[in-house]
Amino acid sequence: MKATENFTAERITALVAVLIGALVALVAVLIGTGIGNTVGAAFLAYVATVVAVAVKVPLQLGRVVAASGRGTVAAAVIAAIVLIGIVRAFRGLV
């Protein structure tokens, strides 16, 4: 088994979609949106990325969702919220 066999189009798409969703969540938290809006923006970015790639490359969408994991997007959003909260707390101390 080669290492390149593990990098399917679905897995690469899932990785890119989760990263874009996390970046959108980070920007949304920095702007100061609420938790619901942050989660919505991250999920919307995830779905838009998957759809944009699926238009260009034939994908099995079930495999994309399975490759991203069940809670990956939620974990990325929660991590962004927590990290921004820690940064704001340290700014308040200084």
PDB file of N, CA and C in Angstrom:
ATOM      1  N   MET A   1       0.835  -1.177   0.000  1.00  0.00           N
ATOM      2  CA  MET A   1       0.000   0.000   0.000  1.00  0.00           C
ATOM      3  C   MET A   1       0.886   1.249   0.000  1.00  0.00           C
ATOM      4  N   LYS A   2       0.656   2.103  -0.958  1.00  0.00           N
ATOM      5  CA  LYS A   2       1.426   3.335  -1.053  1.00  0.00           C
ATOM      6  C   LYS A   2       0.783   4.423  -0.200  1.00  0.00           C
ATOM      7  N   ALA A   3       1.603   5.377   0.180  1.00  0.00           N
ATOM      8  CA  ALA A   3       1.080   6.491   0.975  1.00  0.00           C
ATOM      9  C   ALA A   3       0.136   7.357   0.155  1.00  0.00           C
ATOM     10  N   THR A   4       0.335   7.403  -1.155  1.00  0.00           N
ATOM     11  CA  THR A   4      -0.514   8.239  -1.997  1.00  0.00           C
ATOM     12  C   THR A   4      -1.905   7.651  -2.175  1.00  0.00           C
ATOM     13  N   GLU A   5      -2.090   6.370  -1.859  1.00  0.00           N
ATOM     14  CA  GLU A   5      -3.419   5.776  -1.972  1.00  0.00           C
ATOM     15  C   GLU A   5      -4.369   6.323  -0.922  1.00  0.00           C
ATOM     16  N   ASN A   6      -3.838   6.854   0.168  1.00  0.00           N
ATOM     17  CA  ASN A   6      -4.679   7.397   1.224  1.00  0.00           C
ATOM     18  C   ASN A   6      -5.214   8.784   0.888  1.00  0.00           C
ATOM     19  N   PHE A   7      -4.598   9.471  -0.075  1.00  0.00           N
ATOM     20  CA  PHE A   7      -5.012  10.818  -0.421  1.00  0.00           C
ATOM     21  C   PHE A   7      -5.974  10.771  -1.596  1.00  0.00           C
ATOM     22  N   THR A   8      -7.222  10.490  -1.299  1.00  0.00           N
ATOM     23  CA  THR A   8      -8.248  10.481  -2.341  1.00  0.00           C
ATOM     24  C   THR A   8      -8.803  11.891  -2.505  1.00  0.00           C
ATOM     25  N   ALA A   9      -9.534  12.100  -3.570  1.00  0.00           N
ATOM     26  CA  ALA A   9     -10.134  13.415  -3.814  1.00  0.00           C
ATOM     27  C   ALA A   9     -11.111  13.780  -2.702  1.00  0.00           C
ATOM     28  N   GLU A  10     -11.808  12.772  -2.179  1.00  0.00           N
ATOM     29  CA  GLU A  10     -12.761  13.035  -1.104  1.00  0.00           C
ATOM     30  C   GLU A  10     -12.058  13.493   0.171  1.00  0.00           C
ATOM     31  N   ARG A  11     -10.942  12.855   0.503  1.00  0.00           N
ATOM     32  CA  ARG A  11     -10.223  13.230   1.721  1.00  0.00           C
ATOM     33  C   ARG A  11      -9.590  14.611   1.598  1.00  0.00           C
ATOM     34  N   ILE A  12      -9.041  14.908   0.449  1.00  0.00           N
ATOM     35  CA  ILE A  12      -8.450  16.231   0.243  1.00  0.00           C
ATOM     36  C   ILE A  12      -9.538  17.302   0.299  1.00  0.00           C
ATOM     37  N   THR A  13     -10.685  17.027  -0.319  1.00  0.00           N
ATOM     38  CA  THR A  13     -11.805  17.967  -0.272  1.00  0.00           C
ATOM     39  C   THR A  13     -12.280  18.177   1.153  1.00  0.00           C
ATOM     40  N   ALA A  14     -12.367  17.099   1.923  1.00  0.00           N
ATOM     41  CA  ALA A  14     -12.802  17.221   3.313  1.00  0.00           C
ATOM     42  C   ALA A  14     -11.820  18.053   4.121  1.00  0.00           C
ATOM     43  N   LEU A  15     -10.540  17.842   3.915  1.00  0.00           N
ATOM     44  CA  LEU A  15      -9.527  18.610   4.637  1.00  0.00           C
ATOM     45  C   LEU A  15      -9.611  20.089   4.297  1.00  0.00           C
ATOM     46  N   VAL A  16      -9.711  20.397   3.024  1.00  0.00           N
ATOM     47  CA  VAL A  16      -9.787  21.797   2.595  1.00  0.00           C
ATOM     48  C   VAL A  16     -11.073  22.443   3.116  1.00  0.00           C
ATOM     49  N   ALA A  17     -12.184  21.720   3.054  1.00  0.00           N
ATOM     50  CA  ALA A  17     -13.461  22.280   3.506  1.00  0.00           C
ATOM     51  C   ALA A  17     -13.440  22.560   5.009  1.00  0.00           C
ATOM     52  N   VAL A  18     -12.867  21.667   5.786  1.00  0.00           N
ATOM     53  CA  VAL A  18     -12.789  21.883   7.234  1.00  0.00           C
ATOM     54  C   VAL A  18     -11.873  23.058   7.551  1.00  0.00           C
ATOM     55  N   LEU A  19     -10.755  23.163   6.855  1.00  0.00           N
ATOM     56  CA  LEU A  19      -9.852  24.293   7.085  1.00  0.00           C
ATOM     57  C   LEU A  19     -10.510  25.624   6.727  1.00  0.00           C
ATOM     58  N   ILE A  20     -11.228  25.662   5.630  1.00  0.00           N
ATOM     59  CA  ILE A  20     -11.914  26.895   5.251  1.00  0.00           C
ATOM     60  C   ILE A  20     -13.012  27.219   6.256  1.00  0.00           C
ATOM     61  N   GLY A  21     -13.737  26.204   6.710  1.00  0.00           N
ATOM     62  CA  GLY A  21     -14.760  26.426   7.734  1.00  0.00           C
ATOM     63  C   GLY A  21     -14.170  26.964   9.022  1.00  0.00           C
ATOM     64  N   ALA A  22     -13.008  26.435   9.420  1.00  0.00           N
ATOM     65  CA  ALA A  22     -12.348  26.914  10.636  1.00  0.00           C
ATOM     66  C   ALA A  22     -11.864  28.348  10.472  1.00  0.00           C
ATOM     67  N   LEU A  23     -11.331  28.678   9.301  1.00  0.00           N
ATOM     68  CA  LEU A  23     -10.879  30.053   9.061  1.00  0.00           C
ATOM     69  C   LEU A  23     -12.046  31.035   9.057  1.00  0.00           C
ATOM     70  N   VAL A  24     -13.159  30.630   8.487  1.00  0.00           N
ATOM     71  CA  VAL A  24     -14.349  31.489   8.496  1.00  0.00           C
ATOM     72  C   VAL A  24     -14.848  31.673   9.923  1.00  0.00           C
ATOM     73  N   ALA A  25     -14.819  30.602  10.723  1.00  0.00           N
ATOM     74  CA  ALA A  25     -15.226  30.717  12.124  1.00  0.00           C
ATOM     75  C   ALA A  25     -14.299  31.658  12.881  1.00  0.00           C
ATOM     76  N   LEU A  26     -13.023  31.570  12.612  1.00  0.00           N
ATOM     77  CA  LEU A  26     -12.056  32.443  13.278  1.00  0.00           C
ATOM     78  C   LEU A  26     -12.305  33.905  12.922  1.00  0.00           C
ATOM     79  N   VAL A  27     -12.549  34.172  11.658  1.00  0.00           N
ATOM     80  CA  VAL A  27     -12.830  35.541  11.229  1.00  0.00           C
ATOM     81  C   VAL A  27     -14.143  36.027  11.839  1.00  0.00           C
ATOM     82  N   ALA A  28     -15.147  35.152  11.885  1.00  0.00           N
ATOM     83  CA  ALA A  28     -16.440  35.537  12.457  1.00  0.00           C
ATOM     84  C   ALA A  28     -16.312  35.864  13.938  1.00  0.00           C
ATOM     85  N   VAL A  29     -15.513  35.101  14.660  1.00  0.00           N
ATOM     86  CA  VAL A  29     -15.314  35.377  16.084  1.00  0.00           C
ATOM     87  C   VAL A  29     -14.537  36.674  16.263  1.00  0.00           C
ATOM     88  N   LEU A  30     -13.549  36.908  15.428  1.00  0.00           N
ATOM     89  CA  LEU A  30     -12.779  38.148  15.516  1.00  0.00           C
ATOM     90  C   LEU A  30     -13.647  39.370  15.238  1.00  0.00           C
ATOM     91  N   ILE A  31     -14.599  39.219  14.334  1.00  0.00           N
ATOM     92  CA  ILE A  31     -15.505  40.326  14.028  1.00  0.00           C
ATOM     93  C   ILE A  31     -16.430  40.598  15.215  1.00  0.00           C
ATOM     94  N   GLY A  32     -16.756  39.551  15.958  1.00  0.00           N
ATOM     95  CA  GLY A  32     -17.597  39.730  17.134  1.00  0.00           C
ATOM     96  C   GLY A  32     -19.008  39.191  16.966  1.00  0.00           C
ATOM     97  N   THR A  33     -19.217  38.254  16.066  1.00  0.00           N
ATOM     98  CA  THR A  33     -20.544  37.673  15.903  1.00  0.00           C
ATOM     99  C   THR A  33     -20.840  36.725  17.055  1.00  0.00           C
ATOM    100  N   GLY A  34     -22.073  36.355  17.189  1.00  0.00           N
ATOM    101  CA  GLY A  34     -22.477  35.432  18.242  1.00  0.00           C
ATOM    102  C   GLY A  34     -22.090  34.004  17.901  1.00  0.00           C
ATOM    103  N   ILE A  35     -22.322  33.108  18.849  1.00  0.00           N
ATOM    104  CA  ILE A  35     -21.936  31.711  18.653  1.00  0.00           C
ATOM    105  C   ILE A  35     -22.761  31.071  17.538  1.00  0.00           C
ATOM    106  N   GLY A  36     -24.039  31.351  17.511  1.00  0.00           N
ATOM    107  CA  GLY A  36     -24.894  30.779  16.469  1.00  0.00           C
ATOM    108  C   GLY A  36     -24.501  31.233  15.081  1.00  0.00           C
ATOM    109  N   ASN A  37     -24.213  32.501  14.942  1.00  0.00           N
ATOM    110  CA  ASN A  37     -23.784  33.022  13.639  1.00  0.00           C
ATOM    111  C   ASN A  37     -22.425  32.474  13.244  1.00  0.00           C
ATOM    112  N   THR A  38     -21.552  32.277  14.218  1.00  0.00           N
ATOM    113  CA  THR A  38     -20.231  31.717  13.926  1.00  0.00           C
ATOM    114  C   THR A  38     -20.349  30.292  13.418  1.00  0.00           C
ATOM    115  N   VAL A  39     -21.151  29.497  14.100  1.00  0.00           N
ATOM    116  CA  VAL A  39     -21.350  28.108  13.674  1.00  0.00           C
ATOM    117  C   VAL A  39     -22.012  28.060  12.298  1.00  0.00           C
ATOM    118  N   GLY A  40     -22.991  28.914  12.083  1.00  0.00           N
ATOM    119  CA  GLY A  40     -23.669  28.966  10.787  1.00  0.00           C
ATOM    120  C   GLY A  40     -22.735  29.356   9.655  1.00  0.00           C
ATOM    121  N   ALA A  41     -21.884  30.327   9.914  1.00  0.00           N
ATOM    122  CA  ALA A  41     -20.937  30.759   8.883  1.00  0.00           C
ATOM    123  C   ALA A  41     -19.933  29.658   8.565  1.00  0.00           C
ATOM    124  N   ALA A  42     -19.462  28.962   9.603  1.00  0.00           N
ATOM    125  CA  ALA A  42     -18.502  27.882   9.371  1.00  0.00           C
ATOM    126  C   ALA A  42     -19.143  26.742   8.588  1.00  0.00           C
ATOM    127  N   PHE A  43     -20.352  26.375   8.951  1.00  0.00           N
ATOM    128  CA  PHE A  43     -21.036  25.291   8.242  1.00  0.00           C
ATOM    129  C   PHE A  43     -21.345  25.687   6.809  1.00  0.00           C
ATOM    130  N   LEU A  44     -21.745  26.920   6.608  1.00  0.00           N
ATOM    131  CA  LEU A  44     -22.027  27.401   5.252  1.00  0.00           C
ATOM    132  C   LEU A  44     -20.771  27.386   4.392  1.00  0.00           C
ATOM    133  N   ALA A  45     -19.641  27.780   4.973  1.00  0.00           N
ATOM    134  CA  ALA A  45     -18.374  27.751   4.235  1.00  0.00           C
ATOM    135  C   ALA A  45     -17.974  26.318   3.902  1.00  0.00           C
ATOM    136  N   TYR A  46     -18.202  25.391   4.842  1.00  0.00           N
ATOM    137  CA  TYR A  46     -17.908  23.970   4.607  1.00  0.00           C
ATOM    138  C   TYR A  46     -18.738  23.446   3.444  1.00  0.00           C
ATOM    139  N   VAL A  47     -20.033  23.680   3.483  1.00  0.00           N
ATOM    140  CA  VAL A  47     -20.920  23.183   2.436  1.00  0.00           C
ATOM    141  C   VAL A  47     -20.596  23.834   1.094  1.00  0.00           C
ATOM    142  N   ALA A  48     -20.343  25.132   1.095  1.00  0.00           N
ATOM    143  CA  ALA A  48     -20.025  25.825  -0.157  1.00  0.00           C
ATOM    144  C   ALA A  48     -18.730  25.300  -0.765  1.00  0.00           C
ATOM    145  N   THR A  49     -17.753  24.986   0.077  1.00  0.00           N
ATOM    146  CA  THR A  49     -16.498  24.437  -0.436  1.00  0.00           C
ATOM    147  C   THR A  49     -16.699  23.065  -1.051  1.00  0.00           C
ATOM    148  N   VAL A  50     -17.444  22.224  -0.366  1.00  0.00           N
ATOM    149  CA  VAL A  50     -17.698  20.876  -0.891  1.00  0.00           C
ATOM    150  C   VAL A  50     -18.468  20.953  -2.202  1.00  0.00           C
ATOM    151  N   VAL A  51     -19.470  21.818  -2.278  1.00  0.00           N
ATOM    152  CA  VAL A  51     -20.257  21.948  -3.510  1.00  0.00           C
ATOM    153  C   VAL A  51     -19.395  22.513  -4.639  1.00  0.00           C
ATOM    154  N   ALA A  52     -18.561  23.505  -4.335  1.00  0.00           N
ATOM    155  CA  ALA A  52     -17.708  24.098  -5.367  1.00  0.00           C
ATOM    156  C   ALA A  52     -16.722  23.076  -5.935  1.00  0.00           C
ATOM    157  N   VAL A  53     -16.178  22.233  -5.077  1.00  0.00           N
ATOM    158  CA  VAL A  53     -15.250  21.200  -5.561  1.00  0.00           C
ATOM    159  C   VAL A  53     -16.013  20.110  -6.297  1.00  0.00           C
ATOM    160  N   ALA A  54     -17.198  19.768  -5.811  1.00  0.00           N
ATOM    161  CA  ALA A  54     -17.989  18.706  -6.449  1.00  0.00           C
ATOM    162  C   ALA A  54     -18.444  19.091  -7.849  1.00  0.00           C
ATOM    163  N   VAL A  55     -18.576  20.386  -8.104  1.00  0.00           N
ATOM    164  CA  VAL A  55     -18.938  20.831  -9.453  1.00  0.00           C
ATOM    165  C   VAL A  55     -17.800  20.558 -10.427  1.00  0.00           C
ATOM    166  N   LYS A  56     -16.573  20.753  -9.963  1.00  0.00           N
ATOM    167  CA  LYS A  56     -15.405  20.573 -10.832  1.00  0.00           C
ATOM    168  C   LYS A  56     -14.935  19.122 -10.913  1.00  0.00           C
ATOM    169  N   VAL A  57     -14.958  18.416  -9.768  1.00  0.00           N
ATOM    170  CA  VAL A  57     -14.414  17.059  -9.682  1.00  0.00           C
ATOM    171  C   VAL A  57     -15.536  16.114  -9.260  1.00  0.00           C
ATOM    172  N   PRO A  58     -15.718  15.005  -9.952  1.00  0.00           N
ATOM    173  CA  PRO A  58     -16.760  14.070  -9.523  1.00  0.00           C
ATOM    174  C   PRO A  58     -16.390  13.439  -8.180  1.00  0.00           C
ATOM    175  N   LEU A  59     -17.222  13.665  -7.175  1.00  0.00           N
ATOM    176  CA  LEU A  59     -16.978  13.158  -5.830  1.00  0.00           C
ATOM    177  C   LEU A  59     -18.153  12.329  -5.349  1.00  0.00           C
ATOM    178  N   GLN A  60     -17.874  11.451  -4.414  1.00  0.00           N
ATOM    179  CA  GLN A  60     -18.934  10.761  -3.691  1.00  0.00           C
ATOM    180  C   GLN A  60     -19.125  11.522  -2.388  1.00  0.00           C
ATOM    181  N   LEU A  61     -20.229  12.260  -2.300  1.00  0.00           N
ATOM    182  CA  LEU A  61     -20.416  13.174  -1.187  1.00  0.00           C
ATOM    183  C   LEU A  61     -20.488  12.458   0.154  1.00  0.00           C
ATOM    184  N   GLY A  62     -20.973  11.237   0.163  1.00  0.00           N
ATOM    185  CA  GLY A  62     -20.992  10.467   1.408  1.00  0.00           C
ATOM    186  C   GLY A  62     -19.586  10.214   1.934  1.00  0.00           C
ATOM    187  N   ARG A  63     -18.666   9.968   1.029  1.00  0.00           N
ATOM    188  CA  ARG A  63     -17.273   9.758   1.454  1.00  0.00           C
ATOM    189  C   ARG A  63     -16.624  11.039   1.934  1.00  0.00           C
ATOM    190  N   VAL A  64     -17.028  12.182   1.377  1.00  0.00           N
ATOM    191  CA  VAL A  64     -16.476  13.463   1.829  1.00  0.00           C
ATOM    192  C   VAL A  64     -16.903  13.713   3.269  1.00  0.00           C
ATOM    193  N   VAL A  65     -18.179  13.486   3.553  1.00  0.00           N
ATOM    194  CA  VAL A  65     -18.685  13.694   4.909  1.00  0.00           C
ATOM    195  C   VAL A  65     -18.039  12.705   5.868  1.00  0.00           C
ATOM    196  N   ALA A  66     -17.880  11.465   5.442  1.00  0.00           N
ATOM    197  CA  ALA A  66     -17.234  10.472   6.294  1.00  0.00           C
ATOM    198  C   ALA A  66     -15.766  10.800   6.533  1.00  0.00           C
ATOM    199  N   ALA A  67     -15.101  11.352   5.532  1.00  0.00           N
ATOM    200  CA  ALA A  67     -13.687  11.697   5.682  1.00  0.00           C
ATOM    201  C   ALA A  67     -13.502  12.881   6.617  1.00  0.00           C
ATOM    202  N   SER A  68     -14.486  13.802   6.643  1.00  0.00           N
ATOM    203  CA  SER A  68     -14.329  14.943   7.541  1.00  0.00           C
ATOM    204  C   SER A  68     -14.632  14.588   8.974  1.00  0.00           C
ATOM    205  N   GLY A  69     -15.288  13.504   9.210  1.00  0.00           N
ATOM    206  CA  GLY A  69     -15.612  13.139  10.582  1.00  0.00           C
ATOM    207  C   GLY A  69     -16.904  13.792  11.018  1.00  0.00           C
ATOM    208  N   ARG A  70     -17.458  13.258  12.089  1.00  0.00           N
ATOM    209  CA  ARG A  70     -18.762  13.766  12.515  1.00  0.00           C
ATOM    210  C   ARG A  70     -18.660  15.120  13.203  1.00  0.00           C
ATOM    211  N   GLY A  71     -17.659  15.315  14.011  1.00  0.00           N
ATOM    212  CA  GLY A  71     -17.610  16.538  14.785  1.00  0.00           C
ATOM    213  C   GLY A  71     -16.449  17.446  14.450  1.00  0.00           C
ATOM    214  N   THR A  72     -15.844  17.246  13.294  1.00  0.00           N
ATOM    215  CA  THR A  72     -14.646  18.008  12.967  1.00  0.00           C
ATOM    216  C   THR A  72     -14.934  19.496  12.816  1.00  0.00           C
ATOM    217  N   VAL A  73     -15.982  19.841  12.096  1.00  0.00           N
ATOM    218  CA  VAL A  73     -16.304  21.249  11.890  1.00  0.00           C
ATOM    219  C   VAL A  73     -16.707  21.882  13.221  1.00  0.00           C
ATOM    220  N   ALA A  74     -17.509  21.181  14.010  1.00  0.00           N
ATOM    221  CA  ALA A  74     -17.919  21.709  15.309  1.00  0.00           C
ATOM    222  C   ALA A  74     -16.719  21.889  16.224  1.00  0.00           C
ATOM    223  N   ALA A  75     -15.798  20.940  16.213  1.00  0.00           N
ATOM    224  CA  ALA A  75     -14.607  21.049  17.051  1.00  0.00           C
ATOM    225  C   ALA A  75     -13.737  22.228  16.614  1.00  0.00           C
ATOM    226  N   ALA A  76     -13.636  22.453  15.328  1.00  0.00           N
ATOM    227  CA  ALA A  76     -12.847  23.582  14.833  1.00  0.00           C
ATOM    228  C   ALA A  76     -13.474  24.908  15.250  1.00  0.00           C
ATOM    229  N   VAL A  77     -14.794  24.997  15.190  1.00  0.00           N
ATOM    230  CA  VAL A  77     -15.487  26.228  15.587  1.00  0.00           C
ATOM    231  C   VAL A  77     -15.320  26.462  17.083  1.00  0.00           C
ATOM    232  N   ILE A  78     -15.484  25.425  17.882  1.00  0.00           N
ATOM    233  CA  ILE A  78     -15.330  25.564  19.336  1.00  0.00           C
ATOM    234  C   ILE A  78     -13.898  25.947  19.680  1.00  0.00           C
ATOM    235  N   ALA A  79     -12.934  25.360  19.001  1.00  0.00           N
ATOM    236  CA  ALA A  79     -11.534  25.707  19.247  1.00  0.00           C
ATOM    237  C   ALA A  79     -11.279  27.174  18.916  1.00  0.00           C
ATOM    238  N   ALA A  80     -11.845  27.665  17.822  1.00  0.00           N
ATOM    239  CA  ALA A  80     -11.666  29.075  17.457  1.00  0.00           C
ATOM    240  C   ALA A  80     -12.277  29.986  18.517  1.00  0.00           C
ATOM    241  N   ILE A  81     -13.457  29.648  18.995  1.00  0.00           N
ATOM    242  CA  ILE A  81     -14.118  30.465  20.016  1.00  0.00           C
ATOM    243  C   ILE A  81     -13.303  30.479  21.306  1.00  0.00           C
ATOM    244  N   VAL A  82     -12.826  29.317  21.720  1.00  0.00           N
ATOM    245  CA  VAL A  82     -12.050  29.229  22.964  1.00  0.00           C
ATOM    246  C   VAL A  82     -10.727  29.982  22.839  1.00  0.00           C
ATOM    247  N   LEU A  83     -10.032  29.813  21.726  1.00  0.00           N
ATOM    248  CA  LEU A  83      -8.752  30.498  21.547  1.00  0.00           C
ATOM    249  C   LEU A  83      -8.908  32.011  21.509  1.00  0.00           C
ATOM    250  N   ILE A  84      -9.938  32.487  20.847  1.00  0.00           N
ATOM    251  CA  ILE A  84     -10.165  33.930  20.822  1.00  0.00           C
ATOM    252  C   ILE A  84     -10.527  34.435  22.214  1.00  0.00           C
ATOM    253  N   GLY A  85     -11.288  33.648  22.974  1.00  0.00           N
ATOM    254  CA  GLY A  85     -11.612  34.021  24.351  1.00  0.00           C
ATOM    255  C   GLY A  85     -10.370  34.112  25.223  1.00  0.00           C
ATOM    256  N   ILE A  86      -9.443  33.182  25.052  1.00  0.00           N
ATOM    257  CA  ILE A  86      -8.193  33.216  25.815  1.00  0.00           C
ATOM    258  C   ILE A  86      -7.364  34.446  25.452  1.00  0.00           C
ATOM    259  N   VAL A  87      -7.288  34.748  24.160  1.00  0.00           N
ATOM    260  CA  VAL A  87      -6.537  35.928  23.717  1.00  0.00           C
ATOM    261  C   VAL A  87      -7.159  37.201  24.282  1.00  0.00           C
ATOM    262  N   ARG A  88      -8.487  37.297  24.258  1.00  0.00           N
ATOM    263  CA  ARG A  88      -9.152  38.485  24.800  1.00  0.00           C
ATOM    264  C   ARG A  88      -8.938  38.600  26.302  1.00  0.00           C
ATOM    265  N   ALA A  89      -8.906  37.459  27.002  1.00  0.00           N
ATOM    266  CA  ALA A  89      -8.661  37.487  28.450  1.00  0.00           C
ATOM    267  C   ALA A  89      -7.258  37.979  28.752  1.00  0.00           C
ATOM    268  N   PHE A  90      -6.273  37.521  27.984  1.00  0.00           N
ATOM    269  CA  PHE A  90      -4.911  37.981  28.205  1.00  0.00           C
ATOM    270  C   PHE A  90      -4.758  39.472  27.863  1.00  0.00           C
ATOM    271  N   ARG A  91      -5.474  39.930  26.863  1.00  0.00           N
ATOM    272  CA  ARG A  91      -5.435  41.350  26.531  1.00  0.00           C
ATOM    273  C   ARG A  91      -6.010  42.185  27.666  1.00  0.00           C
ATOM    274  N   GLY A  92      -7.026  41.654  28.336  1.00  0.00           N
ATOM    275  CA  GLY A  92      -7.626  42.358  29.459  1.00  0.00           C
ATOM    276  C   GLY A  92      -6.693  42.433  30.652  1.00  0.00           C
ATOM    277  N   LEU A  93      -5.786  41.472  30.795  1.00  0.00           N
ATOM    278  CA  LEU A  93      -4.839  41.477  31.913  1.00  0.00           C
ATOM    279  C   LEU A  93      -3.725  42.489  31.708  1.00  0.00           C
ATOM    280  N   VAL A  94      -3.402  42.746  30.459  1.00  0.00           N
ATOM    281  CA  VAL A  94      -2.254  43.625  30.167  1.00  0.00           C
ATOM    282  C   VAL A  94      -2.644  45.071  30.219  1.00  0.00           C
TER     283      VAL A  94
END
